Amino acid sequence: MAIDGDLKTCWASSPKDTIGAWLKFDFGSKKSVGLIKIVNGWIPEGYPDFFTQNHRAKKITLFYDNGKKESFDLQDNNDIQELWPALADETQHITLRVDEIYPAVSTSAKTWVTISEVKFFLKLNLGPDTP
């Protein structure tokens, strides 16, 4: 549900698996990713105060097929955030790992890390003859 285009749904980790939780994205073939847009946390329809009831990603690391990785800090809001990966090169998979969290205000044992949406944008290959 992290890539369904619907901000009212989300990916959620297991309550036991918060720091270290991960998602793996498969593009089907090697792609050159130039931009990633991510919406941290989750605000389900009809529950505008729900954002802080679950953990949100504070720091993530992206792992690429070329063996490289890079980390990004996320803001603690439900707005679209832009990540500009510099090391992805051509990759078929990107694994997103949660390294730090903004903790939930709830003390319930059933809190999890939530990410509403992740969207990938490819680099344009305009070729050597393009001005």
C-alpha atoms as a PDB file:
ATOM      1  CA  MET A   1       0.000   0.000   0.000  1.00  0.00           C
ATOM      2  CA  ALA A   2       3.043   2.271  -0.076  1.00  0.00           C
ATOM      3  CA  ILE A   3       2.841   2.514  -3.872  1.00  0.00           C
ATOM      4  CA  ASP A   4      -0.918   2.460  -4.512  1.00  0.00           C
ATOM      5  CA  GLY A   5      -1.267   6.227  -5.089  1.00  0.00           C
ATOM      6  CA  ASP A   6      -3.767   6.540  -2.207  1.00  0.00           C
ATOM      7  CA  LEU A   7      -2.688   8.682   0.756  1.00  0.00           C
ATOM      8  CA  LYS A   8      -5.528   7.231   2.844  1.00  0.00           C
ATOM      9  CA  THR A   9      -3.741   3.853   2.887  1.00  0.00           C
ATOM     10  CA  CYS A  10      -0.269   3.060   4.181  1.00  0.00           C
ATOM     11  CA  TRP A  11       2.455   0.512   4.587  1.00  0.00           C
ATOM     12  CA  ALA A  12       2.803  -0.426   8.247  1.00  0.00           C
ATOM     13  CA  SER A  13       5.548  -2.429   9.888  1.00  0.00           C
ATOM     14  CA  SER A  14       4.880  -5.154  12.392  1.00  0.00           C
ATOM     15  CA  PRO A  15       4.535  -3.695  15.912  1.00  0.00           C
ATOM     16  CA  LYS A  16       7.598  -5.784  16.863  1.00  0.00           C
ATOM     17  CA  ASP A  17       9.603  -4.566  13.861  1.00  0.00           C
ATOM     18  CA  THR A  18       9.979  -0.790  13.886  1.00  0.00           C
ATOM     19  CA  ILE A  19      13.647   0.245  13.733  1.00  0.00           C
ATOM     20  CA  GLY A  20      15.107  -2.014  11.065  1.00  0.00           C
ATOM     21  CA  ALA A  21      11.767  -2.499   9.280  1.00  0.00           C
ATOM     22  CA  TRP A  22      12.167  -2.441   5.497  1.00  0.00           C
ATOM     23  CA  LEU A  23      10.386  -2.358   2.161  1.00  0.00           C
ATOM     24  CA  LYS A  24      11.860  -3.663  -1.091  1.00  0.00           C
ATOM     25  CA  PHE A  25      10.787  -2.153  -4.393  1.00  0.00           C
ATOM     26  CA  ASP A  26      11.303  -4.097  -7.656  1.00  0.00           C
ATOM     27  CA  PHE A  27      11.157  -2.167 -10.951  1.00  0.00           C
ATOM     28  CA  GLY A  28      11.188  -5.301 -13.141  1.00  0.00           C
ATOM     29  CA  SER A  29      14.369  -4.189 -14.921  1.00  0.00           C
ATOM     30  CA  LYS A  30      17.244  -1.824 -14.262  1.00  0.00           C
ATOM     31  CA  LYS A  31      16.188   1.812 -13.985  1.00  0.00           C
ATOM     32  CA  SER A  32      17.962   5.050 -13.175  1.00  0.00           C
ATOM     33  CA  VAL A  33      16.022   6.745 -10.366  1.00  0.00           C
ATOM     34  CA  GLY A  34      16.429  10.509 -10.154  1.00  0.00           C
ATOM     35  CA  LEU A  35      13.816  11.480  -7.562  1.00  0.00           C
ATOM     36  CA  ILE A  36      11.803   9.763  -4.855  1.00  0.00           C
ATOM     37  CA  LYS A  37       8.739  11.369  -3.309  1.00  0.00           C
ATOM     38  CA  ILE A  38       7.670  10.002   0.055  1.00  0.00           C
ATOM     39  CA  VAL A  39       4.785  10.754   2.413  1.00  0.00           C
ATOM     40  CA  ASN A  40       5.746   9.891   5.976  1.00  0.00           C
ATOM     41  CA  GLY A  41       3.260   8.587   8.536  1.00  0.00           C
ATOM     42  CA  TRP A  42      -0.450   8.069   7.964  1.00  0.00           C
ATOM     43  CA  ILE A  43      -3.653  10.052   8.378  1.00  0.00           C
ATOM     44  CA  PRO A  44      -6.593   7.764   7.579  1.00  0.00           C
ATOM     45  CA  GLU A  45      -9.794   9.279   6.246  1.00  0.00           C
ATOM     46  CA  GLY A  46     -11.956  10.639   9.062  1.00  0.00           C
ATOM     47  CA  TYR A  47      -9.120  10.617  11.639  1.00  0.00           C
ATOM     48  CA  PRO A  48      -7.207  13.909  11.236  1.00  0.00           C
ATOM     49  CA  ASP A  49      -5.460  13.552  14.620  1.00  0.00           C
ATOM     50  CA  PHE A  50      -4.188  10.020  13.923  1.00  0.00           C
ATOM     51  CA  PHE A  51      -0.727  11.009  12.600  1.00  0.00           C
ATOM     52  CA  THR A  52       1.074  10.832  15.957  1.00  0.00           C
ATOM     53  CA  GLN A  53      -0.668   7.618  17.076  1.00  0.00           C
ATOM     54  CA  ASN A  54       1.940   5.517  15.230  1.00  0.00           C
ATOM     55  CA  HIS A  55       5.680   5.798  14.742  1.00  0.00           C
ATOM     56  CA  ARG A  56       6.980   7.687  11.723  1.00  0.00           C
ATOM     57  CA  ALA A  57      10.316   7.234   9.937  1.00  0.00           C
ATOM     58  CA  LYS A  58      12.925   9.749  11.057  1.00  0.00           C
ATOM     59  CA  LYS A  59      15.963   8.393   9.222  1.00  0.00           C
ATOM     60  CA  ILE A  60      15.971   5.886   6.368  1.00  0.00           C
ATOM     61  CA  THR A  61      18.671   4.187   4.334  1.00  0.00           C
ATOM     62  CA  LEU A  62      18.223   3.211   0.683  1.00  0.00           C
ATOM     63  CA  PHE A  63      20.136   0.160  -0.587  1.00  0.00           C
ATOM     64  CA  TYR A  64      20.793  -0.305  -4.322  1.00  0.00           C
ATOM     65  CA  ASP A  65      21.790  -3.258  -6.518  1.00  0.00           C
ATOM     66  CA  ASN A  66      25.230  -1.733  -7.080  1.00  0.00           C
ATOM     67  CA  GLY A  67      26.051  -2.305  -3.390  1.00  0.00           C
ATOM     68  CA  LYS A  68      25.857   1.399  -2.563  1.00  0.00           C
ATOM     69  CA  LYS A  69      23.577   2.933   0.035  1.00  0.00           C
ATOM     70  CA  GLU A  70      22.641   6.401   1.196  1.00  0.00           C
ATOM     71  CA  SER A  71      20.704   7.765   4.146  1.00  0.00           C
ATOM     72  CA  PHE A  72      18.060  10.462   4.314  1.00  0.00           C
ATOM     73  CA  ASP A  73      16.413  12.321   7.190  1.00  0.00           C
ATOM     74  CA  LEU A  74      12.632  12.677   6.936  1.00  0.00           C
ATOM     75  CA  GLN A  75      10.553  15.461   8.436  1.00  0.00           C
ATOM     76  CA  ASP A  76       7.875  14.612  10.976  1.00  0.00           C
ATOM     77  CA  ASN A  77       4.910  15.613   8.835  1.00  0.00           C
ATOM     78  CA  ASN A  78       2.515  14.062   6.321  1.00  0.00           C
ATOM     79  CA  ASP A  79       3.524  16.333   3.427  1.00  0.00           C
ATOM     80  CA  ILE A  80       5.257  15.131   0.264  1.00  0.00           C
ATOM     81  CA  GLN A  81       9.018  15.042   0.829  1.00  0.00           C
ATOM     82  CA  GLU A  82      11.562  14.840  -1.980  1.00  0.00           C
ATOM     83  CA  LEU A  83      14.650  12.628  -1.849  1.00  0.00           C
ATOM     84  CA  TRP A  84      17.335  13.022  -4.509  1.00  0.00           C
ATOM     85  CA  PRO A  85      19.317   9.768  -4.638  1.00  0.00           C
ATOM     86  CA  ALA A  86      22.848  10.335  -5.940  1.00  0.00           C
ATOM     87  CA  LEU A  87      24.202   6.781  -5.789  1.00  0.00           C
ATOM     88  CA  ALA A  88      21.438   4.613  -7.271  1.00  0.00           C
ATOM     89  CA  ASP A  89      22.871   4.422 -10.828  1.00  0.00           C
ATOM     90  CA  GLU A  90      21.068   1.633 -12.727  1.00  0.00           C
ATOM     91  CA  THR A  91      19.168  -0.523 -10.240  1.00  0.00           C
ATOM     92  CA  GLN A  92      16.309  -3.004 -10.421  1.00  0.00           C
ATOM     93  CA  HIS A  93      15.663  -2.979  -6.680  1.00  0.00           C
ATOM     94  CA  ILE A  94      15.688  -0.385  -3.938  1.00  0.00           C
ATOM     95  CA  THR A  95      15.362  -1.463  -0.332  1.00  0.00           C
ATOM     96  CA  LEU A  96      14.205   1.211   2.115  1.00  0.00           C
ATOM     97  CA  ARG A  97      15.196   0.515   5.739  1.00  0.00           C
ATOM     98  CA  VAL A  98      13.913   2.503   8.735  1.00  0.00           C
ATOM     99  CA  ASP A  99      16.908   3.447  10.920  1.00  0.00           C
ATOM    100  CA  GLU A 100      15.326   5.895  13.373  1.00  0.00           C
ATOM    101  CA  ILE A 101      11.742   6.790  14.238  1.00  0.00           C
ATOM    102  CA  TYR A 102       9.663   9.607  15.597  1.00  0.00           C
ATOM    103  CA  PRO A 103       7.949   7.709  18.433  1.00  0.00           C
ATOM    104  CA  ALA A 104       4.187   7.421  18.683  1.00  0.00           C
ATOM    105  CA  VAL A 105       2.455   9.314  21.458  1.00  0.00           C
ATOM    106  CA  SER A 106       0.397   6.187  22.101  1.00  0.00           C
ATOM    107  CA  THR A 107       1.761   3.700  24.616  1.00  0.00           C
ATOM    108  CA  SER A 108      -0.152   0.837  23.015  1.00  0.00           C
ATOM    109  CA  ALA A 109       1.847  -2.274  22.134  1.00  0.00           C
ATOM    110  CA  LYS A 110       0.186  -2.162  18.707  1.00  0.00           C
ATOM    111  CA  THR A 111       1.935   0.877  17.289  1.00  0.00           C
ATOM    112  CA  TRP A 112       3.905   0.512  14.076  1.00  0.00           C
ATOM    113  CA  VAL A 113       5.934   2.584  11.628  1.00  0.00           C
ATOM    114  CA  THR A 114       3.742   3.958   8.839  1.00  0.00           C
ATOM    115  CA  ILE A 115       4.569   5.377   5.399  1.00  0.00           C
ATOM    116  CA  SER A 116       1.641   6.549   3.274  1.00  0.00           C
ATOM    117  CA  GLU A 117       3.261   6.675  -0.136  1.00  0.00           C
ATOM    118  CA  VAL A 118       6.531   6.244  -2.038  1.00  0.00           C
ATOM    119  CA  LYS A 119       6.797   7.305  -5.676  1.00  0.00           C
ATOM    120  CA  PHE A 120       9.815   6.887  -7.949  1.00  0.00           C
ATOM    121  CA  PHE A 121      10.736   9.160 -10.856  1.00  0.00           C
ATOM    122  CA  LEU A 122      13.273   8.095 -13.462  1.00  0.00           C
ATOM    123  CA  LYS A 123      16.180  10.177 -14.702  1.00  0.00           C
ATOM    124  CA  LEU A 124      15.785  11.363 -18.251  1.00  0.00           C
ATOM    125  CA  ASN A 125      18.424  10.096 -20.660  1.00  0.00           C
ATOM    126  CA  LEU A 126      18.461  12.795 -23.281  1.00  0.00           C
ATOM    127  CA  GLY A 127      21.565  11.528 -25.081  1.00  0.00           C
ATOM    128  CA  PRO A 128      24.779  13.281 -26.095  1.00  0.00           C
ATOM    129  CA  ASP A 129      23.210  15.330 -28.919  1.00  0.00           C
ATOM    130  CA  THR A 130      20.635  17.043 -26.697  1.00  0.00           C
ATOM    131  CA  PRO A 131      21.442  20.733 -26.045  1.00  0.00           C
END
